[in-house]
N, C-alpha and C. Protein backbone atom coordinates (compact mmCIF):
# COMPACT_ATOMS: atom_id res chain seq x y z
N MET A 1 107.84 121.06 109.90
CA MET A 1 108.34 120.25 108.81
C MET A 1 108.21 121.03 107.51
N SER A 2 109.28 121.57 107.01
CA SER A 2 109.23 122.34 105.77
C SER A 2 109.75 121.51 104.62
N GLU A 3 109.16 121.77 103.45
CA GLU A 3 109.55 121.03 102.26
C GLU A 3 110.75 121.68 101.58
N SER A 4 111.60 120.87 100.99
CA SER A 4 112.69 121.39 100.19
C SER A 4 112.26 121.39 98.74
N PRO A 5 112.88 122.16 97.88
CA PRO A 5 112.49 122.20 96.48
C PRO A 5 113.06 121.06 95.67
N ALA A 6 113.53 120.01 96.35
CA ALA A 6 114.16 118.90 95.63
C ALA A 6 113.15 118.18 94.77
N GLU A 7 113.66 117.39 93.83
CA GLU A 7 112.79 116.61 92.95
C GLU A 7 112.11 115.52 93.76
N PRO A 8 110.96 115.02 93.30
CA PRO A 8 110.26 113.95 94.02
C PRO A 8 111.17 112.75 94.24
N SER A 9 110.95 112.06 95.37
CA SER A 9 111.86 110.99 95.77
C SER A 9 111.88 109.84 94.78
N ARG A 10 110.79 109.60 94.01
CA ARG A 10 110.79 108.46 93.12
C ARG A 10 111.84 108.57 92.01
N SER A 11 112.37 109.82 91.79
CA SER A 11 113.38 110.00 90.76
C SER A 11 114.78 109.72 91.28
N ARG A 12 114.90 109.54 92.59
CA ARG A 12 116.21 109.31 93.18
C ARG A 12 116.52 107.83 93.22
N GLY A 13 117.78 107.49 93.08
CA GLY A 13 118.20 106.11 93.22
C GLY A 13 117.50 105.18 92.25
N SER A 14 117.47 105.53 90.96
CA SER A 14 116.71 104.76 90.00
C SER A 14 117.42 103.48 89.57
N TYR A 15 118.70 103.35 89.81
CA TYR A 15 119.42 102.14 89.46
C TYR A 15 119.12 101.06 90.49
N PRO A 16 119.27 99.78 90.10
CA PRO A 16 118.91 98.68 91.01
C PRO A 16 119.50 98.79 92.41
N LYS A 17 120.79 99.11 92.51
CA LYS A 17 121.40 99.21 93.84
C LYS A 17 120.77 100.35 94.63
N GLY A 18 120.49 101.46 93.93
CA GLY A 18 119.85 102.59 94.60
C GLY A 18 118.46 102.26 95.07
N ILE A 19 117.71 101.53 94.26
CA ILE A 19 116.35 101.12 94.63
C ILE A 19 116.39 100.20 95.84
N ALA A 20 117.32 99.27 95.84
CA ALA A 20 117.45 98.33 96.95
C ALA A 20 117.84 99.07 98.23
N ARG A 21 118.75 100.03 98.10
CA ARG A 21 119.19 100.78 99.27
C ARG A 21 118.05 101.63 99.83
N ARG A 22 117.29 102.25 98.94
CA ARG A 22 116.15 103.05 99.39
C ARG A 22 115.13 102.18 100.14
N GLN A 23 114.87 100.98 99.60
CA GLN A 23 113.91 100.07 100.24
C GLN A 23 114.42 99.62 101.60
N GLU A 24 115.72 99.38 101.69
CA GLU A 24 116.32 98.98 102.98
C GLU A 24 116.14 100.08 104.02
N ILE A 25 116.38 101.32 103.63
CA ILE A 25 116.20 102.44 104.54
C ILE A 25 114.73 102.57 104.92
N LEU A 26 113.84 102.40 103.94
CA LEU A 26 112.41 102.52 104.19
C LEU A 26 111.94 101.45 105.16
N ASP A 27 112.41 100.22 105.01
CA ASP A 27 112.04 99.14 105.91
C ASP A 27 112.42 99.46 107.35
N LYS A 28 113.62 100.00 107.54
CA LYS A 28 114.07 100.35 108.89
C LYS A 28 113.27 101.53 109.43
N ALA A 29 112.95 102.49 108.56
CA ALA A 29 112.19 103.66 108.99
C ALA A 29 110.79 103.25 109.44
N ILE A 30 110.17 102.29 108.76
CA ILE A 30 108.85 101.82 109.14
C ILE A 30 108.88 101.24 110.55
N GLU A 31 109.91 100.46 110.86
CA GLU A 31 110.05 99.89 112.20
C GLU A 31 110.17 100.99 113.24
N VAL A 32 110.94 102.02 112.93
CA VAL A 32 111.13 103.13 113.87
C VAL A 32 109.81 103.87 114.09
N PHE A 33 109.12 104.22 113.02
CA PHE A 33 107.89 105.00 113.14
C PHE A 33 106.75 104.20 113.75
N ALA A 34 106.72 102.90 113.53
CA ALA A 34 105.67 102.07 114.10
C ALA A 34 105.70 102.14 115.63
N GLN A 35 106.87 102.37 116.19
CA GLN A 35 107.02 102.43 117.64
C GLN A 35 106.95 103.84 118.20
N ARG A 36 107.54 104.80 117.49
CA ARG A 36 107.69 106.12 118.10
C ARG A 36 106.91 107.22 117.42
N GLY A 37 106.27 106.93 116.26
CA GLY A 37 105.49 107.95 115.58
C GLY A 37 106.38 109.02 114.98
N ALA A 38 105.80 110.22 114.79
CA ALA A 38 106.53 111.30 114.14
C ALA A 38 106.65 112.52 115.03
N ARG A 39 106.58 112.33 116.32
CA ARG A 39 106.63 113.45 117.25
C ARG A 39 108.04 114.05 117.34
N LYS A 40 108.08 115.38 117.30
CA LYS A 40 109.32 116.12 117.55
C LYS A 40 110.51 115.46 116.87
N THR A 41 110.46 115.40 115.58
CA THR A 41 111.51 114.69 114.88
C THR A 41 112.11 115.54 113.78
N SER A 42 113.17 115.05 113.19
CA SER A 42 113.84 115.71 112.08
C SER A 42 114.51 114.63 111.26
N LEU A 43 114.90 114.98 110.04
CA LEU A 43 115.60 114.00 109.21
C LEU A 43 116.89 113.53 109.87
N ARG A 44 117.58 114.45 110.52
CA ARG A 44 118.85 114.10 111.16
C ARG A 44 118.62 113.10 112.30
N ALA A 45 117.56 113.33 113.09
CA ALA A 45 117.27 112.43 114.20
C ALA A 45 116.83 111.06 113.69
N ILE A 46 116.04 111.05 112.64
CA ILE A 46 115.58 109.79 112.06
C ILE A 46 116.75 109.02 111.47
N ALA A 47 117.65 109.72 110.79
CA ALA A 47 118.82 109.07 110.20
C ALA A 47 119.62 108.34 111.27
N GLN A 48 119.75 108.98 112.43
CA GLN A 48 120.51 108.36 113.51
C GLN A 48 119.80 107.10 114.01
N GLU A 49 118.48 107.15 114.15
CA GLU A 49 117.74 105.99 114.63
C GLU A 49 117.72 104.87 113.61
N VAL A 50 117.63 105.22 112.32
CA VAL A 50 117.59 104.21 111.28
C VAL A 50 118.97 103.61 111.05
N GLY A 51 120.00 104.38 111.35
CA GLY A 51 121.36 103.88 111.19
C GLY A 51 121.99 104.24 109.87
N VAL A 52 121.61 105.41 109.31
CA VAL A 52 122.21 105.89 108.07
C VAL A 52 122.64 107.34 108.28
N THR A 53 123.36 107.87 107.31
CA THR A 53 123.78 109.26 107.41
C THR A 53 122.63 110.18 107.02
N HIS A 54 122.70 111.41 107.49
CA HIS A 54 121.71 112.41 107.12
C HIS A 54 121.73 112.64 105.61
N ALA A 55 122.91 112.61 105.03
CA ALA A 55 123.05 112.82 103.58
C ALA A 55 122.34 111.71 102.80
N ALA A 56 122.43 110.46 103.28
CA ALA A 56 121.78 109.34 102.59
C ALA A 56 120.27 109.49 102.64
N LEU A 57 119.75 109.88 103.80
CA LEU A 57 118.30 110.04 103.94
C LEU A 57 117.80 111.17 103.04
N THR A 58 118.55 112.26 102.99
CA THR A 58 118.18 113.39 102.13
C THR A 58 118.25 113.00 100.67
N HIS A 59 119.23 112.19 100.31
CA HIS A 59 119.39 111.77 98.91
C HIS A 59 118.19 110.97 98.43
N TYR A 60 117.71 110.05 99.26
CA TYR A 60 116.64 109.16 98.82
C TYR A 60 115.24 109.73 99.04
N PHE A 61 115.08 110.65 99.97
CA PHE A 61 113.73 111.13 100.28
C PHE A 61 113.58 112.64 100.17
N GLY A 62 114.66 113.39 100.22
CA GLY A 62 114.59 114.82 99.95
C GLY A 62 114.15 115.69 101.10
N SER A 63 113.04 115.33 101.74
CA SER A 63 112.53 116.15 102.84
C SER A 63 111.86 115.26 103.87
N LEU A 64 111.59 115.80 105.02
CA LEU A 64 110.92 115.03 106.07
C LEU A 64 109.54 114.59 105.63
N ASP A 65 108.78 115.50 105.01
CA ASP A 65 107.44 115.14 104.56
C ASP A 65 107.47 114.00 103.56
N GLU A 66 108.43 114.04 102.62
CA GLU A 66 108.53 112.97 101.63
C GLU A 66 108.83 111.63 102.29
N LEU A 67 109.65 111.64 103.31
CA LEU A 67 109.96 110.40 104.03
C LEU A 67 108.72 109.90 104.76
N LEU A 68 108.00 110.78 105.43
CA LEU A 68 106.80 110.37 106.16
C LEU A 68 105.76 109.78 105.21
N VAL A 69 105.58 110.42 104.06
CA VAL A 69 104.63 109.91 103.07
C VAL A 69 105.06 108.53 102.58
N ALA A 70 106.34 108.37 102.28
CA ALA A 70 106.85 107.08 101.79
C ALA A 70 106.66 105.99 102.83
N VAL A 71 106.93 106.31 104.10
CA VAL A 71 106.77 105.32 105.17
C VAL A 71 105.31 104.91 105.29
N TYR A 72 104.41 105.88 105.29
CA TYR A 72 103.00 105.55 105.47
C TYR A 72 102.46 104.76 104.28
N ARG A 73 102.81 105.20 103.06
CA ARG A 73 102.32 104.50 101.87
C ARG A 73 102.81 103.06 101.82
N GLU A 74 104.06 102.84 102.19
CA GLU A 74 104.60 101.49 102.16
C GLU A 74 103.92 100.62 103.22
N SER A 75 103.73 101.15 104.41
CA SER A 75 103.07 100.38 105.47
C SER A 75 101.62 100.09 105.09
N GLU A 76 100.95 101.06 104.44
CA GLU A 76 99.57 100.86 104.00
C GLU A 76 99.51 99.82 102.89
N ARG A 77 100.48 99.85 101.98
CA ARG A 77 100.51 98.87 100.89
C ARG A 77 100.65 97.46 101.44
N ARG A 78 101.50 97.29 102.42
CA ARG A 78 101.68 95.96 103.01
C ARG A 78 100.42 95.50 103.72
N SER A 79 99.80 96.42 104.43
CA SER A 79 98.57 96.07 105.15
C SER A 79 97.44 95.74 104.20
N ASP A 80 97.29 96.52 103.12
CA ASP A 80 96.23 96.27 102.15
C ASP A 80 96.40 94.93 101.47
N GLY A 81 97.64 94.54 101.26
CA GLY A 81 97.89 93.26 100.60
C GLY A 81 97.47 92.08 101.45
N ASP A 82 97.52 92.25 102.78
CA ASP A 82 97.18 91.15 103.68
C ASP A 82 95.73 91.19 104.14
N ASN A 83 95.06 92.34 104.03
CA ASN A 83 93.74 92.51 104.63
C ASN A 83 92.77 93.20 103.69
N ARG A 84 92.57 92.62 102.52
CA ARG A 84 91.61 93.21 101.59
C ARG A 84 90.19 92.94 102.09
N PRO A 85 89.36 93.98 102.21
CA PRO A 85 87.99 93.79 102.73
C PRO A 85 87.11 93.02 101.75
N ARG A 86 86.22 92.22 102.28
CA ARG A 86 85.26 91.49 101.45
C ARG A 86 84.30 92.49 100.80
N PRO A 87 83.73 92.13 99.65
CA PRO A 87 82.82 93.05 98.95
C PRO A 87 81.59 93.42 99.77
N ASP A 88 81.17 92.55 100.72
CA ASP A 88 79.96 92.81 101.48
C ASP A 88 80.20 93.60 102.77
N VAL A 89 81.45 93.99 103.01
CA VAL A 89 81.77 94.74 104.23
C VAL A 89 81.49 96.23 103.99
N SER A 90 80.76 96.85 104.90
CA SER A 90 80.41 98.26 104.75
C SER A 90 81.61 99.15 105.03
N PRO A 91 81.58 100.42 104.56
CA PRO A 91 82.70 101.34 104.82
C PRO A 91 82.99 101.52 106.31
N ALA A 92 81.95 101.68 107.12
CA ALA A 92 82.17 101.88 108.55
C ALA A 92 82.79 100.65 109.19
N GLU A 93 82.36 99.46 108.76
CA GLU A 93 82.95 98.23 109.28
C GLU A 93 84.39 98.09 108.82
N MET A 94 84.69 98.51 107.58
CA MET A 94 86.07 98.50 107.10
C MET A 94 86.95 99.33 108.02
N MET A 95 86.48 100.51 108.37
CA MET A 95 87.26 101.40 109.23
C MET A 95 87.36 100.84 110.64
N ARG A 96 86.32 100.15 111.10
CA ARG A 96 86.38 99.54 112.44
C ARG A 96 87.44 98.46 112.48
N ILE A 97 87.48 97.63 111.44
CA ILE A 97 88.50 96.57 111.37
C ILE A 97 89.89 97.18 111.32
N SER A 98 90.05 98.25 110.52
CA SER A 98 91.33 98.93 110.42
C SER A 98 91.75 99.51 111.77
N ALA A 99 90.78 100.09 112.50
CA ALA A 99 91.08 100.66 113.82
C ALA A 99 91.55 99.58 114.79
N GLU A 100 90.93 98.41 114.70
CA GLU A 100 91.33 97.29 115.55
C GLU A 100 92.77 96.89 115.25
N GLN A 101 93.11 96.82 113.98
CA GLN A 101 94.47 96.44 113.59
C GLN A 101 95.47 97.52 113.99
N ASN A 102 95.05 98.78 113.92
CA ASN A 102 95.96 99.88 114.21
C ASN A 102 96.35 100.00 115.67
N ARG A 103 95.64 99.30 116.55
CA ARG A 103 95.99 99.37 117.97
C ARG A 103 97.41 98.88 118.23
N SER A 104 97.90 98.03 117.35
CA SER A 104 99.25 97.48 117.55
C SER A 104 100.34 98.35 116.95
N ILE A 105 99.95 99.40 116.18
CA ILE A 105 100.94 100.28 115.54
C ILE A 105 100.57 101.75 115.78
N PRO A 106 100.48 102.16 117.03
CA PRO A 106 100.08 103.55 117.31
C PRO A 106 101.02 104.58 116.69
N GLY A 107 102.28 104.23 116.51
CA GLY A 107 103.22 105.17 115.92
C GLY A 107 102.85 105.55 114.50
N LEU A 108 102.40 104.56 113.71
CA LEU A 108 102.01 104.85 112.33
C LEU A 108 100.68 105.60 112.26
N VAL A 109 99.80 105.37 113.24
CA VAL A 109 98.56 106.14 113.31
C VAL A 109 98.89 107.60 113.60
N GLN A 110 99.84 107.82 114.50
CA GLN A 110 100.25 109.18 114.82
C GLN A 110 100.95 109.83 113.64
N LEU A 111 101.73 109.05 112.90
CA LEU A 111 102.39 109.57 111.71
C LEU A 111 101.36 110.05 110.68
N TYR A 112 100.31 109.25 110.48
CA TYR A 112 99.25 109.63 109.55
C TYR A 112 98.60 110.94 109.98
N SER A 113 98.29 111.06 111.26
CA SER A 113 97.67 112.28 111.77
C SER A 113 98.59 113.49 111.58
N THR A 114 99.88 113.28 111.73
CA THR A 114 100.86 114.34 111.51
C THR A 114 100.84 114.81 110.06
N LEU A 115 100.75 113.86 109.13
CA LEU A 115 100.72 114.21 107.71
C LEU A 115 99.46 115.00 107.36
N VAL A 116 98.32 114.58 107.89
CA VAL A 116 97.07 115.29 107.61
C VAL A 116 97.12 116.70 108.17
N ALA A 117 97.65 116.84 109.38
CA ALA A 117 97.77 118.17 109.98
C ALA A 117 98.71 119.05 109.16
N ALA A 118 99.83 118.49 108.70
CA ALA A 118 100.78 119.25 107.89
C ALA A 118 100.17 119.67 106.56
N ALA A 119 99.25 118.85 106.03
CA ALA A 119 98.62 119.16 104.74
C ALA A 119 97.79 120.43 104.80
N LEU A 120 97.37 120.82 105.98
CA LEU A 120 96.56 122.03 106.14
C LEU A 120 97.40 123.29 106.24
N GLU A 121 98.72 123.13 106.30
CA GLU A 121 99.63 124.26 106.42
C GLU A 121 100.28 124.57 105.08
N ASP A 122 100.83 125.75 104.96
CA ASP A 122 101.57 126.11 103.75
C ASP A 122 102.94 125.43 103.75
N ASN A 123 103.53 125.35 102.57
CA ASN A 123 104.89 124.83 102.40
C ASN A 123 105.04 123.35 102.76
N HIS A 124 103.96 122.59 102.57
CA HIS A 124 104.02 121.15 102.79
C HIS A 124 103.39 120.43 101.59
N PRO A 125 103.92 120.62 100.39
CA PRO A 125 103.28 120.05 99.20
C PRO A 125 103.19 118.53 99.20
N ALA A 126 104.19 117.85 99.72
CA ALA A 126 104.14 116.38 99.73
C ALA A 126 103.00 115.89 100.62
N ALA A 127 102.85 116.49 101.79
CA ALA A 127 101.76 116.11 102.69
C ALA A 127 100.41 116.49 102.09
N GLN A 128 100.34 117.65 101.44
CA GLN A 128 99.09 118.07 100.81
C GLN A 128 98.67 117.12 99.70
N ARG A 129 99.61 116.73 98.87
CA ARG A 129 99.30 115.78 97.80
C ARG A 129 98.83 114.46 98.38
N PHE A 130 99.54 113.99 99.38
CA PHE A 130 99.19 112.72 100.00
C PHE A 130 97.77 112.74 100.55
N ALA A 131 97.45 113.73 101.38
CA ALA A 131 96.14 113.79 102.02
C ALA A 131 95.02 114.01 101.00
N THR A 132 95.24 114.93 100.07
CA THR A 132 94.21 115.23 99.06
C THR A 132 93.91 114.01 98.21
N GLU A 133 94.95 113.35 97.72
CA GLU A 133 94.77 112.18 96.87
C GLU A 133 94.15 111.02 97.65
N ARG A 134 94.56 110.84 98.90
CA ARG A 134 94.03 109.74 99.69
C ARG A 134 92.55 109.94 99.97
N PHE A 135 92.17 111.14 100.39
CA PHE A 135 90.76 111.39 100.67
C PHE A 135 89.91 111.23 99.42
N ALA A 136 90.40 111.73 98.29
CA ALA A 136 89.65 111.62 97.03
C ALA A 136 89.46 110.15 96.65
N ARG A 137 90.55 109.37 96.77
CA ARG A 137 90.46 107.94 96.42
C ARG A 137 89.50 107.20 97.34
N LEU A 138 89.58 107.47 98.63
CA LEU A 138 88.69 106.79 99.58
C LEU A 138 87.23 107.17 99.35
N ARG A 139 86.97 108.44 99.03
CA ARG A 139 85.58 108.84 98.78
C ARG A 139 85.00 108.10 97.57
N VAL A 140 85.81 107.95 96.52
CA VAL A 140 85.34 107.24 95.33
C VAL A 140 85.12 105.76 95.65
N GLU A 141 86.13 105.11 96.27
CA GLU A 141 86.04 103.68 96.55
C GLU A 141 84.90 103.38 97.51
N MET A 142 84.78 104.18 98.56
CA MET A 142 83.72 103.93 99.54
C MET A 142 82.35 104.28 98.97
N GLY A 143 82.28 105.33 98.15
CA GLY A 143 81.02 105.69 97.53
C GLY A 143 80.50 104.57 96.65
N ASP A 144 81.39 103.96 95.87
CA ASP A 144 81.01 102.82 95.03
C ASP A 144 80.54 101.64 95.88
N ARG A 145 81.23 101.42 96.99
CA ARG A 145 80.85 100.31 97.89
C ARG A 145 79.47 100.58 98.49
N VAL A 146 79.22 101.82 98.89
CA VAL A 146 77.92 102.17 99.46
C VAL A 146 76.81 101.91 98.45
N ARG A 147 77.01 102.30 97.21
CA ARG A 147 76.00 102.08 96.17
C ARG A 147 75.68 100.59 96.01
N ARG A 148 76.72 99.77 95.98
CA ARG A 148 76.50 98.33 95.82
C ARG A 148 75.70 97.77 97.00
N LEU A 149 76.06 98.20 98.20
CA LEU A 149 75.38 97.69 99.39
C LEU A 149 73.96 98.23 99.49
N GLN A 150 73.73 99.43 98.99
CA GLN A 150 72.35 99.95 98.94
C GLN A 150 71.51 99.12 97.99
N GLU A 151 72.07 98.76 96.84
CA GLU A 151 71.36 97.95 95.86
C GLU A 151 71.04 96.57 96.42
N GLN A 152 71.89 96.09 97.32
CA GLN A 152 71.69 94.78 97.93
C GLN A 152 70.80 94.84 99.16
N GLY A 153 70.39 96.06 99.53
CA GLY A 153 69.52 96.23 100.67
C GLY A 153 70.20 96.18 102.02
N GLN A 154 71.53 96.34 102.03
CA GLN A 154 72.27 96.26 103.29
C GLN A 154 72.46 97.62 103.96
N LEU A 155 72.41 98.69 103.17
CA LEU A 155 72.54 100.04 103.71
C LEU A 155 71.31 100.85 103.33
N ARG A 156 71.02 101.86 104.11
CA ARG A 156 69.89 102.73 103.82
C ARG A 156 70.02 103.31 102.41
N ASP A 157 68.91 103.31 101.67
CA ASP A 157 68.96 103.78 100.29
C ASP A 157 68.56 105.24 100.14
N ASP A 158 68.31 105.92 101.28
CA ASP A 158 67.92 107.33 101.22
C ASP A 158 69.10 108.25 101.51
N LEU A 159 70.32 107.71 101.49
CA LEU A 159 71.52 108.49 101.81
C LEU A 159 72.40 108.62 100.58
N ASP A 160 73.01 109.79 100.42
CA ASP A 160 73.93 110.02 99.31
C ASP A 160 75.23 109.25 99.53
N PRO A 161 75.62 108.37 98.62
CA PRO A 161 76.82 107.55 98.81
C PRO A 161 78.09 108.35 99.06
N GLN A 162 78.27 109.46 98.33
CA GLN A 162 79.48 110.26 98.52
C GLN A 162 79.51 110.93 99.89
N LEU A 163 78.34 111.35 100.38
CA LEU A 163 78.29 111.96 101.71
C LEU A 163 78.52 110.92 102.80
N VAL A 164 78.00 109.72 102.58
CA VAL A 164 78.26 108.63 103.52
C VAL A 164 79.75 108.35 103.60
N ALA A 165 80.40 108.29 102.43
CA ALA A 165 81.84 108.04 102.39
C ALA A 165 82.60 109.12 103.14
N ALA A 166 82.27 110.39 102.87
CA ALA A 166 82.95 111.49 103.55
C ALA A 166 82.72 111.43 105.06
N LEU A 167 81.50 111.08 105.48
CA LEU A 167 81.18 110.99 106.90
C LEU A 167 81.98 109.89 107.58
N VAL A 168 82.07 108.73 106.95
CA VAL A 168 82.80 107.61 107.54
C VAL A 168 84.29 107.94 107.68
N ILE A 169 84.86 108.58 106.65
CA ILE A 169 86.27 108.97 106.71
C ILE A 169 86.50 109.96 107.85
N ALA A 170 85.62 110.96 107.94
CA ALA A 170 85.75 111.97 108.99
C ALA A 170 85.62 111.34 110.38
N ALA A 171 84.65 110.43 110.52
CA ALA A 171 84.46 109.77 111.82
C ALA A 171 85.68 108.94 112.20
N SER A 172 86.20 108.19 111.23
CA SER A 172 87.36 107.34 111.50
C SER A 172 88.58 108.16 111.90
N ASP A 173 88.88 109.19 111.11
CA ASP A 173 90.06 110.02 111.40
C ASP A 173 89.90 110.75 112.72
N GLY A 174 88.72 111.29 112.97
CA GLY A 174 88.50 112.02 114.21
C GLY A 174 88.59 111.13 115.44
N LEU A 175 88.03 109.94 115.33
CA LEU A 175 88.10 108.99 116.45
C LEU A 175 89.53 108.52 116.70
N GLN A 176 90.29 108.35 115.60
CA GLN A 176 91.70 107.97 115.77
C GLN A 176 92.46 109.04 116.53
N ALA A 177 92.20 110.32 116.20
CA ALA A 177 92.88 111.41 116.89
C ALA A 177 92.50 111.42 118.37
N GLN A 178 91.23 111.19 118.66
CA GLN A 178 90.80 111.15 120.06
C GLN A 178 91.46 109.99 120.80
N TRP A 179 91.59 108.83 120.12
CA TRP A 179 92.21 107.67 120.75
C TRP A 179 93.68 107.92 121.04
N LEU A 180 94.37 108.61 120.12
CA LEU A 180 95.78 108.93 120.36
C LEU A 180 95.94 109.81 121.59
N LEU A 181 95.00 110.72 121.80
CA LEU A 181 95.07 111.62 122.94
C LEU A 181 94.55 110.97 124.22
N GLU A 182 93.57 110.08 124.08
CA GLU A 182 92.98 109.42 125.24
C GLU A 182 92.68 107.97 124.87
N PRO A 183 93.57 107.04 125.24
CA PRO A 183 93.45 105.63 124.83
C PRO A 183 92.16 104.94 125.28
N THR A 184 91.43 105.52 126.23
CA THR A 184 90.20 104.88 126.69
C THR A 184 89.04 105.10 125.71
N VAL A 185 89.21 106.01 124.75
CA VAL A 185 88.16 106.24 123.75
C VAL A 185 88.02 104.99 122.89
N ASP A 186 86.83 104.42 122.86
CA ASP A 186 86.59 103.18 122.12
C ASP A 186 86.14 103.52 120.71
N HIS A 187 87.12 103.82 119.84
CA HIS A 187 86.74 104.21 118.49
C HIS A 187 86.20 103.05 117.68
N GLU A 188 86.56 101.83 118.04
CA GLU A 188 86.00 100.68 117.34
C GLU A 188 84.50 100.56 117.60
N ALA A 189 84.10 100.75 118.86
CA ALA A 189 82.67 100.68 119.21
C ALA A 189 81.89 101.82 118.56
N ALA A 190 82.51 102.99 118.49
CA ALA A 190 81.84 104.14 117.86
C ALA A 190 81.61 103.89 116.38
N LEU A 191 82.58 103.30 115.70
CA LEU A 191 82.42 103.00 114.27
C LEU A 191 81.40 101.89 114.06
N ALA A 192 81.35 100.93 114.99
CA ALA A 192 80.34 99.88 114.90
C ALA A 192 78.94 100.48 115.06
N MET A 193 78.80 101.46 115.95
CA MET A 193 77.52 102.13 116.12
C MET A 193 77.12 102.89 114.86
N LEU A 194 78.10 103.58 114.24
CA LEU A 194 77.83 104.29 112.99
C LEU A 194 77.38 103.31 111.92
N ASP A 195 77.98 102.15 111.88
CA ASP A 195 77.60 101.12 110.92
C ASP A 195 76.13 100.73 111.10
N ARG A 196 75.71 100.59 112.36
CA ARG A 196 74.31 100.24 112.63
C ARG A 196 73.37 101.36 112.21
N LEU A 197 73.78 102.60 112.43
CA LEU A 197 72.95 103.74 112.05
C LEU A 197 72.76 103.84 110.54
N LEU A 198 73.79 103.43 109.78
CA LEU A 198 73.72 103.50 108.33
C LEU A 198 73.06 102.28 107.70
N GLY A 199 72.88 101.23 108.50
CA GLY A 199 72.32 99.99 107.98
C GLY A 199 70.86 100.12 107.61
N ALA A 200 70.43 99.30 106.67
CA ALA A 200 69.02 99.31 106.26
C ALA A 200 68.14 98.79 107.39
N PRO A 201 66.95 99.39 107.57
CA PRO A 201 66.04 98.93 108.63
C PRO A 201 65.68 97.47 108.43
N ARG A 202 65.61 96.77 109.54
CA ARG A 202 65.23 95.35 109.45
C ARG A 202 63.72 95.22 109.29
N ALA A 203 63.33 94.25 108.50
CA ALA A 203 61.90 94.05 108.24
C ALA A 203 61.21 93.49 109.48
């Protein structure tokens, strides 16, 4: 998946009709990726499955990476709106709940893994921005959550919050990859175990 030097997709289709058309294409693309993931694909193949021309897909998204990022961000936005975690839920439990929900959308889990893998390669700036910004945001959000739960006595207070956040993210992503390769891997149980290990000792 190579990036084109085109302008970022948010600058395309800025008029109301263009915005509506882009959203329509994005909605159909989410349905496609939720079922089939991002394996062995191209913009031309996706355009055919979504039911638009290759030129239309290129116009609104520019490159394959930009389309994958847009699909994942939109699906994540919808999910976050419906499933905001309670303040007392630990980071590991948050990831366990997310893993449980993701069982019904393996294609989007695979799409996410594809983006992270692409971010480690050259010539994938959209994927690199996506992964770097996402990891940074999660480390900050989870680190803050860890601090609050430590103050409340729910998590061990001898652990660095930022390192806990990084560990939980790594565990979640790694377990998701194992589950994609071998569905018998119980990543939900593994995250629940991590949650117990990070919990404050009971009196």
